[in-house]
N, C-alpha and C. Protein backbone atom coordinates (compact mmCIF):
# COMPACT_ATOMS: atom_id res chain seq x y z
N MET A 1 15.06 12.80 20.75
CA MET A 1 14.76 12.77 19.33
C MET A 1 14.42 11.34 18.93
N ILE A 2 13.53 11.21 17.98
CA ILE A 2 13.03 9.89 17.58
C ILE A 2 14.14 9.02 16.99
N LEU A 3 15.08 9.60 16.26
CA LEU A 3 16.19 8.81 15.70
C LEU A 3 17.03 8.17 16.78
N ASP A 4 17.24 8.88 17.88
CA ASP A 4 17.99 8.32 19.00
C ASP A 4 17.28 7.10 19.58
N GLU A 5 15.96 7.19 19.71
CA GLU A 5 15.16 6.07 20.23
C GLU A 5 15.23 4.88 19.28
N ILE A 6 15.16 5.14 17.98
CA ILE A 6 15.23 4.06 16.99
C ILE A 6 16.60 3.39 17.06
N ALA A 7 17.67 4.18 17.15
CA ALA A 7 19.03 3.63 17.23
C ALA A 7 19.21 2.79 18.50
N LYS A 8 18.72 3.28 19.63
CA LYS A 8 18.83 2.53 20.89
C LYS A 8 18.09 1.20 20.79
N SER A 9 16.91 1.23 20.21
CA SER A 9 16.12 0.01 20.06
C SER A 9 16.82 -0.99 19.15
N ALA A 10 17.39 -0.51 18.06
CA ALA A 10 18.12 -1.39 17.13
C ALA A 10 19.33 -2.01 17.81
N LYS A 11 20.05 -1.24 18.59
CA LYS A 11 21.22 -1.76 19.30
C LYS A 11 20.81 -2.84 20.29
N ARG A 12 19.70 -2.64 20.99
CA ARG A 12 19.21 -3.65 21.93
C ARG A 12 18.84 -4.94 21.20
N ARG A 13 18.17 -4.81 20.04
CA ARG A 13 17.80 -6.01 19.27
C ARG A 13 19.03 -6.75 18.78
N VAL A 14 20.04 -6.01 18.31
CA VAL A 14 21.26 -6.65 17.82
C VAL A 14 21.97 -7.38 18.95
N GLU A 15 22.08 -6.75 20.09
CA GLU A 15 22.73 -7.39 21.24
C GLU A 15 21.99 -8.66 21.66
N ALA A 16 20.67 -8.61 21.65
CA ALA A 16 19.89 -9.80 22.02
C ALA A 16 20.11 -10.92 21.00
N GLU A 17 20.17 -10.58 19.73
CA GLU A 17 20.41 -11.59 18.69
C GLU A 17 21.81 -12.18 18.79
N LYS A 18 22.79 -11.36 19.16
CA LYS A 18 24.15 -11.86 19.31
C LYS A 18 24.22 -12.92 20.42
N LYS A 19 23.39 -12.76 21.44
CA LYS A 19 23.36 -13.73 22.54
C LYS A 19 22.62 -14.99 22.12
N ARG A 20 21.67 -14.84 21.22
CA ARG A 20 20.84 -15.96 20.80
C ARG A 20 21.53 -16.84 19.75
N ILE A 21 22.30 -16.24 18.86
CA ILE A 21 22.90 -16.98 17.75
C ILE A 21 24.30 -16.44 17.49
N SER A 22 25.23 -17.33 17.22
CA SER A 22 26.61 -16.90 16.99
C SER A 22 26.76 -16.24 15.62
N CYS A 23 27.80 -15.48 15.49
CA CYS A 23 28.09 -14.80 14.22
C CYS A 23 28.26 -15.84 13.10
N ARG A 24 28.93 -16.94 13.40
CA ARG A 24 29.16 -18.01 12.41
C ARG A 24 27.82 -18.59 11.93
N GLU A 25 26.91 -18.84 12.89
CA GLU A 25 25.60 -19.38 12.53
C GLU A 25 24.82 -18.38 11.68
N MET A 26 24.91 -17.11 12.03
CA MET A 26 24.21 -16.08 11.27
C MET A 26 24.73 -16.01 9.84
N LYS A 27 26.07 -16.09 9.68
CA LYS A 27 26.65 -16.08 8.33
C LYS A 27 26.20 -17.29 7.54
N ASP A 28 26.16 -18.46 8.19
CA ASP A 28 25.70 -19.67 7.52
C ASP A 28 24.25 -19.54 7.05
N LEU A 29 23.39 -19.01 7.92
CA LEU A 29 21.98 -18.81 7.57
C LEU A 29 21.83 -17.83 6.41
N ALA A 30 22.61 -16.75 6.45
CA ALA A 30 22.55 -15.76 5.37
C ALA A 30 23.01 -16.39 4.05
N GLY A 31 24.05 -17.20 4.11
CA GLY A 31 24.54 -17.87 2.90
C GLY A 31 23.50 -18.82 2.33
N LYS A 32 22.84 -19.58 3.20
CA LYS A 32 21.80 -20.51 2.74
C LYS A 32 20.63 -19.76 2.12
N LYS A 33 20.26 -18.64 2.72
CA LYS A 33 19.16 -17.85 2.17
C LYS A 33 19.53 -17.31 0.80
N ALA A 34 20.76 -16.82 0.65
CA ALA A 34 21.20 -16.29 -0.64
C ALA A 34 21.20 -17.39 -1.70
N GLU A 35 21.65 -18.59 -1.33
CA GLU A 35 21.65 -19.71 -2.27
C GLU A 35 20.23 -20.05 -2.70
N THR A 36 19.31 -20.09 -1.74
CA THR A 36 17.91 -20.40 -2.04
C THR A 36 17.32 -19.36 -2.99
N GLU A 37 17.62 -18.08 -2.76
CA GLU A 37 17.10 -17.02 -3.62
C GLU A 37 17.68 -17.12 -5.02
N GLN A 38 18.97 -17.44 -5.13
CA GLN A 38 19.60 -17.59 -6.44
C GLN A 38 18.99 -18.77 -7.19
N GLU A 39 18.78 -19.89 -6.51
CA GLU A 39 18.17 -21.06 -7.14
C GLU A 39 16.75 -20.73 -7.60
N GLY A 40 16.02 -20.02 -6.77
CA GLY A 40 14.66 -19.63 -7.13
C GLY A 40 14.63 -18.73 -8.35
N ALA A 41 15.59 -17.80 -8.42
CA ALA A 41 15.64 -16.88 -9.56
C ALA A 41 15.92 -17.64 -10.85
N LYS A 42 16.75 -18.66 -10.80
CA LYS A 42 17.05 -19.47 -11.99
C LYS A 42 15.82 -20.22 -12.48
N GLY A 43 14.98 -20.62 -11.55
CA GLY A 43 13.79 -21.39 -11.90
C GLY A 43 12.58 -20.53 -12.22
N GLY A 44 12.77 -19.24 -12.35
CA GLY A 44 11.66 -18.36 -12.67
C GLY A 44 10.85 -17.89 -11.48
N PHE A 45 11.35 -18.11 -10.28
CA PHE A 45 10.67 -17.67 -9.07
C PHE A 45 10.73 -16.15 -8.99
N ASP A 46 9.60 -15.52 -8.75
CA ASP A 46 9.55 -14.07 -8.60
C ASP A 46 9.21 -13.71 -7.16
N PHE A 47 9.79 -12.65 -6.69
CA PHE A 47 9.41 -12.11 -5.40
C PHE A 47 8.12 -11.32 -5.58
N PRO A 48 7.26 -11.24 -4.57
CA PRO A 48 5.98 -10.55 -4.73
C PRO A 48 6.11 -9.12 -5.24
N PHE A 49 7.12 -8.36 -4.78
CA PHE A 49 7.23 -6.98 -5.25
C PHE A 49 7.58 -6.92 -6.72
N GLU A 50 8.32 -7.92 -7.22
CA GLU A 50 8.63 -7.95 -8.65
C GLU A 50 7.37 -8.23 -9.45
N LYS A 51 6.52 -9.12 -8.95
CA LYS A 51 5.26 -9.39 -9.63
C LYS A 51 4.40 -8.13 -9.66
N ALA A 52 4.38 -7.39 -8.56
CA ALA A 52 3.58 -6.17 -8.50
C ALA A 52 4.07 -5.15 -9.53
N LEU A 53 5.36 -5.04 -9.69
CA LEU A 53 5.91 -4.08 -10.65
C LEU A 53 5.66 -4.49 -12.09
N ARG A 54 5.61 -5.79 -12.35
CA ARG A 54 5.42 -6.29 -13.72
C ARG A 54 3.96 -6.40 -14.12
N GLY A 55 3.06 -6.38 -13.17
CA GLY A 55 1.64 -6.60 -13.46
C GLY A 55 1.03 -5.46 -14.25
N GLU A 56 -0.13 -5.74 -14.81
CA GLU A 56 -0.84 -4.74 -15.61
C GLU A 56 -1.72 -3.85 -14.73
N ASP A 57 -2.13 -4.35 -13.57
CA ASP A 57 -2.97 -3.58 -12.67
C ASP A 57 -2.13 -2.59 -11.88
N ILE A 58 -2.79 -1.63 -11.29
CA ILE A 58 -2.10 -0.70 -10.42
C ILE A 58 -1.81 -1.43 -9.11
N SER A 59 -0.57 -1.37 -8.68
CA SER A 59 -0.16 -2.02 -7.44
C SER A 59 0.63 -1.05 -6.60
N PHE A 60 0.65 -1.30 -5.30
CA PHE A 60 1.41 -0.46 -4.39
C PHE A 60 2.36 -1.33 -3.59
N ILE A 61 3.53 -0.81 -3.39
CA ILE A 61 4.48 -1.40 -2.46
C ILE A 61 4.57 -0.39 -1.33
N CYS A 62 4.11 -0.77 -0.16
CA CYS A 62 4.00 0.18 0.95
C CYS A 62 4.90 -0.20 2.10
N GLU A 63 5.34 0.83 2.78
CA GLU A 63 6.05 0.65 4.03
C GLU A 63 5.24 1.39 5.07
N VAL A 64 4.82 0.68 6.09
CA VAL A 64 4.01 1.29 7.14
C VAL A 64 4.91 1.46 8.36
N LYS A 65 5.01 2.68 8.83
CA LYS A 65 5.89 2.99 9.95
C LYS A 65 5.07 3.39 11.17
N LYS A 66 5.64 3.16 12.34
CA LYS A 66 5.02 3.61 13.58
C LYS A 66 5.57 4.97 13.99
N ALA A 67 6.74 5.33 13.45
CA ALA A 67 7.33 6.63 13.77
C ALA A 67 8.14 7.11 12.59
N SER A 68 8.27 8.40 12.50
CA SER A 68 9.02 9.05 11.43
C SER A 68 10.13 9.89 12.06
N PRO A 69 11.34 9.84 11.50
CA PRO A 69 12.42 10.66 12.07
C PRO A 69 12.08 12.15 12.11
N SER A 70 11.33 12.62 11.14
CA SER A 70 11.02 14.05 11.10
C SER A 70 9.71 14.41 11.79
N LYS A 71 8.75 13.47 11.86
CA LYS A 71 7.43 13.78 12.41
C LYS A 71 7.16 13.15 13.77
N GLY A 72 8.03 12.25 14.22
CA GLY A 72 7.82 11.60 15.51
C GLY A 72 6.83 10.45 15.40
N VAL A 73 6.15 10.14 16.49
CA VAL A 73 5.21 9.02 16.53
C VAL A 73 4.00 9.33 15.65
N ILE A 74 3.62 8.38 14.83
CA ILE A 74 2.48 8.54 13.95
C ILE A 74 1.23 8.17 14.74
N ALA A 75 0.17 8.95 14.57
CA ALA A 75 -1.03 8.80 15.39
C ALA A 75 -1.74 7.47 15.18
N GLU A 76 -1.88 7.03 13.95
CA GLU A 76 -2.63 5.81 13.65
C GLU A 76 -1.81 4.58 14.00
N GLN A 77 -2.39 3.66 14.72
CA GLN A 77 -1.73 2.43 15.11
C GLN A 77 -2.57 1.25 14.62
N GLY A 78 -1.91 0.14 14.28
CA GLY A 78 -2.62 -1.06 13.87
C GLY A 78 -1.90 -1.74 12.73
N THR A 79 -2.48 -2.82 12.26
CA THR A 79 -1.91 -3.53 11.12
C THR A 79 -2.21 -2.72 9.86
N PRO A 80 -1.48 -2.98 8.78
CA PRO A 80 -1.80 -2.27 7.53
C PRO A 80 -3.26 -2.45 7.13
N GLU A 81 -3.80 -3.65 7.32
CA GLU A 81 -5.19 -3.90 6.97
C GLU A 81 -6.14 -3.02 7.79
N GLU A 82 -5.84 -2.86 9.09
CA GLU A 82 -6.68 -2.04 9.95
C GLU A 82 -6.56 -0.56 9.58
N ILE A 83 -5.33 -0.12 9.36
CA ILE A 83 -5.09 1.30 9.06
C ILE A 83 -5.75 1.69 7.74
N PHE A 84 -5.56 0.87 6.70
CA PHE A 84 -6.10 1.22 5.39
C PHE A 84 -7.58 0.86 5.26
N GLY A 85 -8.01 -0.19 5.95
CA GLY A 85 -9.39 -0.63 5.83
C GLY A 85 -10.37 0.08 6.75
N ASN A 86 -9.91 0.49 7.91
CA ASN A 86 -10.79 1.12 8.88
C ASN A 86 -10.00 2.09 9.76
N PRO A 87 -9.49 3.19 9.18
CA PRO A 87 -8.69 4.12 9.98
C PRO A 87 -9.52 4.79 11.06
N LYS A 88 -8.90 4.98 12.22
CA LYS A 88 -9.60 5.58 13.37
C LYS A 88 -9.41 7.10 13.42
N GLN A 89 -8.25 7.57 13.02
CA GLN A 89 -7.92 8.99 13.13
C GLN A 89 -8.50 9.77 11.95
N GLU A 90 -9.06 10.92 12.22
CA GLU A 90 -9.64 11.77 11.16
C GLU A 90 -8.59 12.16 10.13
N ARG A 91 -7.39 12.46 10.61
CA ARG A 91 -6.30 12.84 9.70
C ARG A 91 -6.00 11.72 8.69
N THR A 92 -5.97 10.47 9.16
CA THR A 92 -5.72 9.33 8.29
C THR A 92 -6.89 9.14 7.33
N GLN A 93 -8.12 9.29 7.80
CA GLN A 93 -9.30 9.15 6.96
C GLN A 93 -9.27 10.19 5.83
N GLN A 94 -8.92 11.42 6.16
CA GLN A 94 -8.86 12.48 5.14
C GLN A 94 -7.79 12.17 4.11
N PHE A 95 -6.64 11.74 4.56
CA PHE A 95 -5.55 11.41 3.64
C PHE A 95 -5.95 10.28 2.70
N LEU A 96 -6.50 9.20 3.25
CA LEU A 96 -6.87 8.06 2.43
C LEU A 96 -8.02 8.36 1.50
N SER A 97 -8.91 9.27 1.89
CA SER A 97 -10.07 9.59 1.04
C SER A 97 -9.63 10.22 -0.28
N ARG A 98 -8.46 10.82 -0.29
CA ARG A 98 -7.95 11.42 -1.54
C ARG A 98 -7.61 10.35 -2.59
N TYR A 99 -7.40 9.12 -2.14
CA TYR A 99 -6.95 8.06 -3.06
C TYR A 99 -7.96 6.94 -3.22
N SER A 100 -9.02 6.91 -2.45
CA SER A 100 -9.91 5.76 -2.43
C SER A 100 -10.78 5.64 -3.69
N ASN A 101 -11.02 6.70 -4.40
CA ASN A 101 -11.92 6.64 -5.57
C ASN A 101 -11.18 6.70 -6.89
N ARG A 102 -9.91 6.45 -6.89
CA ARG A 102 -9.12 6.53 -8.13
C ARG A 102 -9.01 5.22 -8.80
């Protein structure tokens, strides 16, 4: 099942990261990142997705996956720009054509 493969892959990545960096170092890095984000928020810094939600134009926040727990491996492969700009699979072309002229 695809979820089992995803879980195995995540466990391998976590184990590799544990060997690369100590838990203490990881906590320190996370703390520094949180401080930076808090300082940025005080100064009016916006994250890109917040700007997209506040804008007047239509914007999308997308998550592009290579596999779905319920559908398995997704046929179209490539960067988001390649998939949305020049899809290879007919199924993807048909899906995107429903939204391209709106």
